[in-house]
Amino acid sequence: PTTFSPNSILKHVTIHIVLGDQALALASETSFWNCLVTMRPKTRKSELPSQTTVRTHIMNDYADYLDRL
């Protein structure tokens, strides 16, 4: 486990969605957000990644991967 940061949450939610073959909509599900907040009760809604943020992160990581090929 690492120290909490919005970027860390974004990274790990993205990994969960991609490697678990989950729908992007999972990132915006209230029940999923509740799980994240349960692990760190001080978390604010603004610190949780949205579906759009996760999609952009995936696309940027993929573009970076292609650039490295």
PDB file of N, CA and C in Angstrom:
ATOM      1  N   PRO A   1       0.828  -1.207   0.000  1.00  0.00           N
ATOM      2  CA  PRO A   1       0.000   0.000   0.000  1.00  0.00           C
ATOM      3  C   PRO A   1       0.861   1.256   0.000  1.00  0.00           C
ATOM      4  N   THR A   2       0.345   2.262  -0.632  1.00  0.00           N
ATOM      5  CA  THR A   2       1.056   3.529  -0.697  1.00  0.00           C
ATOM      6  C   THR A   2       0.260   4.607   0.031  1.00  0.00           C
ATOM      7  N   THR A   3       0.877   5.746   0.215  1.00  0.00           N
ATOM      8  CA  THR A   3       0.203   6.878   0.830  1.00  0.00           C
ATOM      9  C   THR A   3      -0.926   7.336  -0.080  1.00  0.00           C
ATOM     10  N   PHE A   4      -2.023   7.782   0.517  1.00  0.00           N
ATOM     11  CA  PHE A   4      -3.163   8.227  -0.268  1.00  0.00           C
ATOM     12  C   PHE A   4      -2.830   9.475  -1.079  1.00  0.00           C
ATOM     13  N   SER A   5      -3.262   9.463  -2.321  1.00  0.00           N
ATOM     14  CA  SER A   5      -3.255  10.655  -3.166  1.00  0.00           C
ATOM     15  C   SER A   5      -4.282  10.414  -4.266  1.00  0.00           C
ATOM     16  N   PRO A   6      -4.892  11.464  -4.780  1.00  0.00           N
ATOM     17  CA  PRO A   6      -5.841  11.281  -5.879  1.00  0.00           C
ATOM     18  C   PRO A   6      -5.198  10.586  -7.085  1.00  0.00           C
ATOM     19  N   ASN A   7      -3.922  10.879  -7.359  1.00  0.00           N
ATOM     20  CA  ASN A   7      -3.241  10.221  -8.482  1.00  0.00           C
ATOM     21  C   ASN A   7      -3.056   8.733  -8.233  1.00  0.00           C
ATOM     22  N   SER A   8      -2.775   8.371  -7.000  1.00  0.00           N
ATOM     23  CA  SER A   8      -2.634   6.959  -6.653  1.00  0.00           C
ATOM     24  C   SER A   8      -3.966   6.229  -6.814  1.00  0.00           C
ATOM     25  N   ILE A   9      -5.038   6.860  -6.362  1.00  0.00           N
ATOM     26  CA  ILE A   9      -6.366   6.259  -6.526  1.00  0.00           C
ATOM     27  C   ILE A   9      -6.675   6.087  -8.007  1.00  0.00           C
ATOM     28  N   LEU A  10      -6.414   7.116  -8.815  1.00  0.00           N
ATOM     29  CA  LEU A  10      -6.657   7.038 -10.258  1.00  0.00           C
ATOM     30  C   LEU A  10      -5.868   5.886 -10.871  1.00  0.00           C
ATOM     31  N   LYS A  11      -4.601   5.782 -10.512  1.00  0.00           N
ATOM     32  CA  LYS A  11      -3.755   4.705 -11.050  1.00  0.00           C
ATOM     33  C   LYS A  11      -4.328   3.334 -10.713  1.00  0.00           C
ATOM     34  N   HIS A  12      -4.698   3.126  -9.464  1.00  0.00           N
ATOM     35  CA  HIS A  12      -5.147   1.804  -9.043  1.00  0.00           C
ATOM     36  C   HIS A  12      -6.571   1.482  -9.501  1.00  0.00           C
ATOM     37  N   VAL A  13      -7.418   2.471  -9.604  1.00  0.00           N
ATOM     38  CA  VAL A  13      -8.755   2.241 -10.173  1.00  0.00           C
ATOM     39  C   VAL A  13      -8.609   1.878 -11.646  1.00  0.00           C
ATOM     40  N   THR A  14      -7.719   2.561 -12.352  1.00  0.00           N
ATOM     41  CA  THR A  14      -7.476   2.254 -13.762  1.00  0.00           C
ATOM     42  C   THR A  14      -6.962   0.829 -13.923  1.00  0.00           C
ATOM     43  N   ILE A  15      -6.013   0.436 -13.101  1.00  0.00           N
ATOM     44  CA  ILE A  15      -5.487  -0.934 -13.152  1.00  0.00           C
ATOM     45  C   ILE A  15      -6.608  -1.933 -12.891  1.00  0.00           C
ATOM     46  N   HIS A  16      -7.429  -1.672 -11.893  1.00  0.00           N
ATOM     47  CA  HIS A  16      -8.543  -2.566 -11.565  1.00  0.00           C
ATOM     48  C   HIS A  16      -9.493  -2.712 -12.753  1.00  0.00           C
ATOM     49  N   ILE A  17      -9.820  -1.618 -13.398  1.00  0.00           N
ATOM     50  CA  ILE A  17     -10.761  -1.654 -14.518  1.00  0.00           C
ATOM     51  C   ILE A  17     -10.154  -2.376 -15.717  1.00  0.00           C
ATOM     52  N   VAL A  18      -8.909  -2.063 -16.055  1.00  0.00           N
ATOM     53  CA  VAL A  18      -8.286  -2.659 -17.240  1.00  0.00           C
ATOM     54  C   VAL A  18      -7.975  -4.139 -17.026  1.00  0.00           C
ATOM     55  N   LEU A  19      -7.274  -4.472 -15.954  1.00  0.00           N
ATOM     56  CA  LEU A  19      -6.873  -5.866 -15.742  1.00  0.00           C
ATOM     57  C   LEU A  19      -8.039  -6.757 -15.350  1.00  0.00           C
ATOM     58  N   GLY A  20      -9.048  -6.176 -14.699  1.00  0.00           N
ATOM     59  CA  GLY A  20     -10.222  -6.949 -14.314  1.00  0.00           C
ATOM     60  C   GLY A  20     -11.288  -6.985 -15.386  1.00  0.00           C
ATOM     61  N   ASP A  21     -10.998  -6.359 -16.542  1.00  0.00           N
ATOM     62  CA  ASP A  21     -11.946  -6.301 -17.659  1.00  0.00           C
ATOM     63  C   ASP A  21     -13.300  -5.774 -17.185  1.00  0.00           C
ATOM     64  N   GLN A  22     -13.246  -4.709 -16.392  1.00  0.00           N
ATOM     65  CA  GLN A  22     -14.452  -4.085 -15.851  1.00  0.00           C
ATOM     66  C   GLN A  22     -14.930  -2.980 -16.792  1.00  0.00           C
ATOM     67  N   ALA A  23     -16.194  -2.650 -16.701  1.00  0.00           N
ATOM     68  CA  ALA A  23     -16.744  -1.542 -17.480  1.00  0.00           C
ATOM     69  C   ALA A  23     -16.216  -0.222 -16.932  1.00  0.00           C
ATOM     70  N   LEU A  24     -15.985   0.740 -17.827  1.00  0.00           N
ATOM     71  CA  LEU A  24     -15.537   2.063 -17.387  1.00  0.00           C
ATOM     72  C   LEU A  24     -16.536   2.707 -16.440  1.00  0.00           C
ATOM     73  N   ALA A  25     -17.792   2.368 -16.588  1.00  0.00           N
ATOM     74  CA  ALA A  25     -18.840   2.945 -15.741  1.00  0.00           C
ATOM     75  C   ALA A  25     -18.612   2.626 -14.267  1.00  0.00           C
ATOM     76  N   LEU A  26     -17.845   1.590 -13.973  1.00  0.00           N
ATOM     77  CA  LEU A  26     -17.566   1.237 -12.579  1.00  0.00           C
ATOM     78  C   LEU A  26     -16.970   2.420 -11.821  1.00  0.00           C
ATOM     79  N   ALA A  27     -16.147   3.209 -12.499  1.00  0.00           N
ATOM     80  CA  ALA A  27     -15.486   4.340 -11.841  1.00  0.00           C
ATOM     81  C   ALA A  27     -16.473   5.374 -11.320  1.00  0.00           C
ATOM     82  N   SER A  28     -17.664   5.423 -11.894  1.00  0.00           N
ATOM     83  CA  SER A  28     -18.664   6.410 -11.469  1.00  0.00           C
ATOM     84  C   SER A  28     -19.795   5.807 -10.648  1.00  0.00           C
ATOM     85  N   GLU A  29     -19.686   4.531 -10.318  1.00  0.00           N
ATOM     86  CA  GLU A  29     -20.732   3.867  -9.530  1.00  0.00           C
ATOM     87  C   GLU A  29     -20.640   4.283  -8.064  1.00  0.00           C
ATOM     88  N   THR A  30     -21.758   4.679  -7.516  1.00  0.00           N
ATOM     89  CA  THR A  30     -21.805   5.094  -6.115  1.00  0.00           C
ATOM     90  C   THR A  30     -21.339   3.978  -5.190  1.00  0.00           C
ATOM     91  N   SER A  31     -21.719   2.750  -5.480  1.00  0.00           N
ATOM     92  CA  SER A  31     -21.315   1.639  -4.611  1.00  0.00           C
ATOM     93  C   SER A  31     -19.797   1.438  -4.631  1.00  0.00           C
ATOM     94  N   PHE A  32     -19.168   1.664  -5.774  1.00  0.00           N
ATOM     95  CA  PHE A  32     -17.712   1.549  -5.872  1.00  0.00           C
ATOM     96  C   PHE A  32     -17.049   2.689  -5.100  1.00  0.00           C
ATOM     97  N   TRP A  33     -17.572   3.900  -5.252  1.00  0.00           N
ATOM     98  CA  TRP A  33     -17.049   5.042  -4.493  1.00  0.00           C
ATOM     99  C   TRP A  33     -17.171   4.790  -2.998  1.00  0.00           C
ATOM    100  N   ASN A  34     -18.291   4.196  -2.584  1.00  0.00           N
ATOM    101  CA  ASN A  34     -18.481   3.893  -1.161  1.00  0.00           C
ATOM    102  C   ASN A  34     -17.404   2.939  -0.655  1.00  0.00           C
ATOM    103  N   CYS A  35     -17.017   1.970  -1.477  1.00  0.00           N
ATOM    104  CA  CYS A  35     -15.932   1.053  -1.093  1.00  0.00           C
ATOM    105  C   CYS A  35     -14.629   1.821  -0.889  1.00  0.00           C
ATOM    106  N   LEU A  36     -14.337   2.749  -1.794  1.00  0.00           N
ATOM    107  CA  LEU A  36     -13.107   3.533  -1.673  1.00  0.00           C
ATOM    108  C   LEU A  36     -13.139   4.431  -0.444  1.00  0.00           C
ATOM    109  N   VAL A  37     -14.283   5.040  -0.191  1.00  0.00           N
ATOM    110  CA  VAL A  37     -14.410   5.932   0.966  1.00  0.00           C
ATOM    111  C   VAL A  37     -14.340   5.141   2.266  1.00  0.00           C
ATOM    112  N   THR A  38     -14.848   3.919   2.270  1.00  0.00           N
ATOM    113  CA  THR A  38     -14.775   3.072   3.456  1.00  0.00           C
ATOM    114  C   THR A  38     -13.320   2.812   3.841  1.00  0.00           C
ATOM    115  N   MET A  39     -12.458   2.688   2.844  1.00  0.00           N
ATOM    116  CA  MET A  39     -11.039   2.446   3.117  1.00  0.00           C
ATOM    117  C   MET A  39     -10.329   3.700   3.618  1.00  0.00           C
ATOM    118  N   ARG A  40     -10.875   4.871   3.291  1.00  0.00           N
ATOM    119  CA  ARG A  40     -10.296   6.136   3.774  1.00  0.00           C
ATOM    120  C   ARG A  40     -11.442   7.125   3.960  1.00  0.00           C
ATOM    121  N   PRO A  41     -12.037   7.138   5.117  1.00  0.00           N
ATOM    122  CA  PRO A  41     -13.228   7.956   5.366  1.00  0.00           C
ATOM    123  C   PRO A  41     -13.065   9.452   5.099  1.00  0.00           C
ATOM    124  N   LYS A  42     -11.850   9.977   5.146  1.00  0.00           N
ATOM    125  CA  LYS A  42     -11.651  11.409   4.903  1.00  0.00           C
ATOM    126  C   LYS A  42     -11.703  11.771   3.418  1.00  0.00           C
ATOM    127  N   THR A  43     -11.845  10.781   2.555  1.00  0.00           N
ATOM    128  CA  THR A  43     -11.854  11.027   1.117  1.00  0.00           C
ATOM    129  C   THR A  43     -13.030  11.906   0.717  1.00  0.00           C
ATOM    130  N   ARG A  44     -12.734  12.894  -0.124  1.00  0.00           N
ATOM    131  CA  ARG A  44     -13.780  13.769  -0.662  1.00  0.00           C
ATOM    132  C   ARG A  44     -14.152  13.305  -2.063  1.00  0.00           C
ATOM    133  N   LYS A  45     -15.357  13.619  -2.465  1.00  0.00           N
ATOM    134  CA  LYS A  45     -15.835  13.225  -3.792  1.00  0.00           C
ATOM    135  C   LYS A  45     -14.894  13.731  -4.885  1.00  0.00           C
ATOM    136  N   SER A  46     -14.360  14.916  -4.710  1.00  0.00           N
ATOM    137  CA  SER A  46     -13.461  15.497  -5.715  1.00  0.00           C
ATOM    138  C   SER A  46     -12.152  14.716  -5.862  1.00  0.00           C
ATOM    139  N   GLU A  47     -11.822  13.872  -4.896  1.00  0.00           N
ATOM    140  CA  GLU A  47     -10.593  13.077  -4.954  1.00  0.00           C
ATOM    141  C   GLU A  47     -10.799  11.737  -5.652  1.00  0.00           C
ATOM    142  N   LEU A  48     -12.043  11.393  -5.941  1.00  0.00           N
ATOM    143  CA  LEU A  48     -12.344  10.120  -6.588  1.00  0.00           C
ATOM    144  C   LEU A  48     -12.389  10.307  -8.101  1.00  0.00           C
ATOM    145  N   PRO A  49     -11.806   9.371  -8.853  1.00  0.00           N
ATOM    146  CA  PRO A  49     -11.783   9.525 -10.307  1.00  0.00           C
ATOM    147  C   PRO A  49     -13.156   9.262 -10.929  1.00  0.00           C
ATOM    148  N   SER A  50     -13.469  10.043 -11.934  1.00  0.00           N
ATOM    149  CA  SER A  50     -14.719   9.841 -12.671  1.00  0.00           C
ATOM    150  C   SER A  50     -14.457   8.896 -13.843  1.00  0.00           C
ATOM    151  N   GLN A  51     -15.516   8.471 -14.473  1.00  0.00           N
ATOM    152  CA  GLN A  51     -15.404   7.615 -15.650  1.00  0.00           C
ATOM    153  C   GLN A  51     -14.576   8.318 -16.732  1.00  0.00           C
ATOM    154  N   THR A  52     -14.816   9.592 -16.932  1.00  0.00           N
ATOM    155  CA  THR A  52     -14.084  10.363 -17.939  1.00  0.00           C
ATOM    156  C   THR A  52     -12.602  10.452 -17.603  1.00  0.00           C
ATOM    157  N   THR A  53     -12.287  10.674 -16.348  1.00  0.00           N
ATOM    158  CA  THR A  53     -10.891  10.762 -15.918  1.00  0.00           C
ATOM    159  C   THR A  53     -10.176   9.434 -16.135  1.00  0.00           C
ATOM    160  N   VAL A  54     -10.846   8.336 -15.808  1.00  0.00           N
ATOM    161  CA  VAL A  54     -10.244   7.011 -15.999  1.00  0.00           C
ATOM    162  C   VAL A  54     -10.042   6.740 -17.490  1.00  0.00           C
ATOM    163  N   ARG A  55     -11.032   7.057 -18.311  1.00  0.00           N
ATOM    164  CA  ARG A  55     -10.914   6.841 -19.757  1.00  0.00           C
ATOM    165  C   ARG A  55      -9.728   7.633 -20.318  1.00  0.00           C
ATOM    166  N   THR A  56      -9.603   8.884 -19.921  1.00  0.00           N
ATOM    167  CA  THR A  56      -8.493   9.722 -20.383  1.00  0.00           C
ATOM    168  C   THR A  56      -7.155   9.147 -19.930  1.00  0.00           C
ATOM    169  N   HIS A  57      -7.101   8.669 -18.697  1.00  0.00           N
ATOM    170  CA  HIS A  57      -5.868   8.070 -18.164  1.00  0.00           C
ATOM    171  C   HIS A  57      -5.488   6.822 -18.966  1.00  0.00           C
ATOM    172  N   ILE A  58      -6.460   5.989 -19.283  1.00  0.00           N
ATOM    173  CA  ILE A  58      -6.200   4.780 -20.081  1.00  0.00           C
ATOM    174  C   ILE A  58      -5.680   5.169 -21.461  1.00  0.00           C
ATOM    175  N   MET A  59      -6.339   6.123 -22.099  1.00  0.00           N
ATOM    176  CA  MET A  59      -5.926   6.542 -23.443  1.00  0.00           C
ATOM    177  C   MET A  59      -4.522   7.142 -23.432  1.00  0.00           C
ATOM    178  N   ASN A  60      -4.210   7.951 -22.431  1.00  0.00           N
ATOM    179  CA  ASN A  60      -2.873   8.550 -22.339  1.00  0.00           C
ATOM    180  C   ASN A  60      -1.803   7.500 -22.066  1.00  0.00           C
ATOM    181  N   ASP A  61      -2.096   6.557 -21.176  1.00  0.00           N
ATOM    182  CA  ASP A  61      -1.139   5.480 -20.902  1.00  0.00           C
ATOM    183  C   ASP A  61      -0.905   4.631 -22.143  1.00  0.00           C
ATOM    184  N   TYR A  62      -1.968   4.365 -22.899  1.00  0.00           N
ATOM    185  CA  TYR A  62      -1.840   3.574 -24.123  1.00  0.00           C
ATOM    186  C   TYR A  62      -1.008   4.332 -25.160  1.00  0.00           C
ATOM    187  N   ALA A  63      -1.248   5.623 -25.307  1.00  0.00           N
ATOM    188  CA  ALA A  63      -0.463   6.434 -26.245  1.00  0.00           C
ATOM    189  C   ALA A  63       1.010   6.436 -25.841  1.00  0.00           C
ATOM    190  N   ASP A  64       1.290   6.558 -24.551  1.00  0.00           N
ATOM    191  CA  ASP A  64       2.672   6.499 -24.064  1.00  0.00           C
ATOM    192  C   ASP A  64       3.297   5.148 -24.369  1.00  0.00           C
ATOM    193  N   TYR A  65       2.528   4.085 -24.195  1.00  0.00           N
ATOM    194  CA  TYR A  65       3.012   2.732 -24.490  1.00  0.00           C
ATOM    195  C   TYR A  65       3.381   2.613 -25.968  1.00  0.00           C
ATOM    196  N   LEU A  66       2.503   3.100 -26.847  1.00  0.00           N
ATOM    197  CA  LEU A  66       2.774   3.024 -28.287  1.00  0.00           C
ATOM    198  C   LEU A  66       4.007   3.839 -28.666  1.00  0.00           C
ATOM    199  N   ASP A  67       4.210   4.964 -28.011  1.00  0.00           N
ATOM    200  CA  ASP A  67       5.394   5.785 -28.282  1.00  0.00           C
ATOM    201  C   ASP A  67       6.682   5.068 -27.899  1.00  0.00           C
ATOM    202  N   ARG A  68       6.608   4.198 -26.911  1.00  0.00           N
ATOM    203  CA  ARG A  68       7.801   3.471 -26.454  1.00  0.00           C
ATOM    204  C   ARG A  68       8.128   2.266 -27.328  1.00  0.00           C
ATOM    205  N   LEU A  69       7.201   1.859 -28.191  1.00  0.00           N
ATOM    206  CA  LEU A  69       7.448   0.688 -29.050  1.00  0.00           C
ATOM    207  C   LEU A  69       8.458   0.990 -30.134  1.00  0.00           C
TER     208      LEU A  69
END
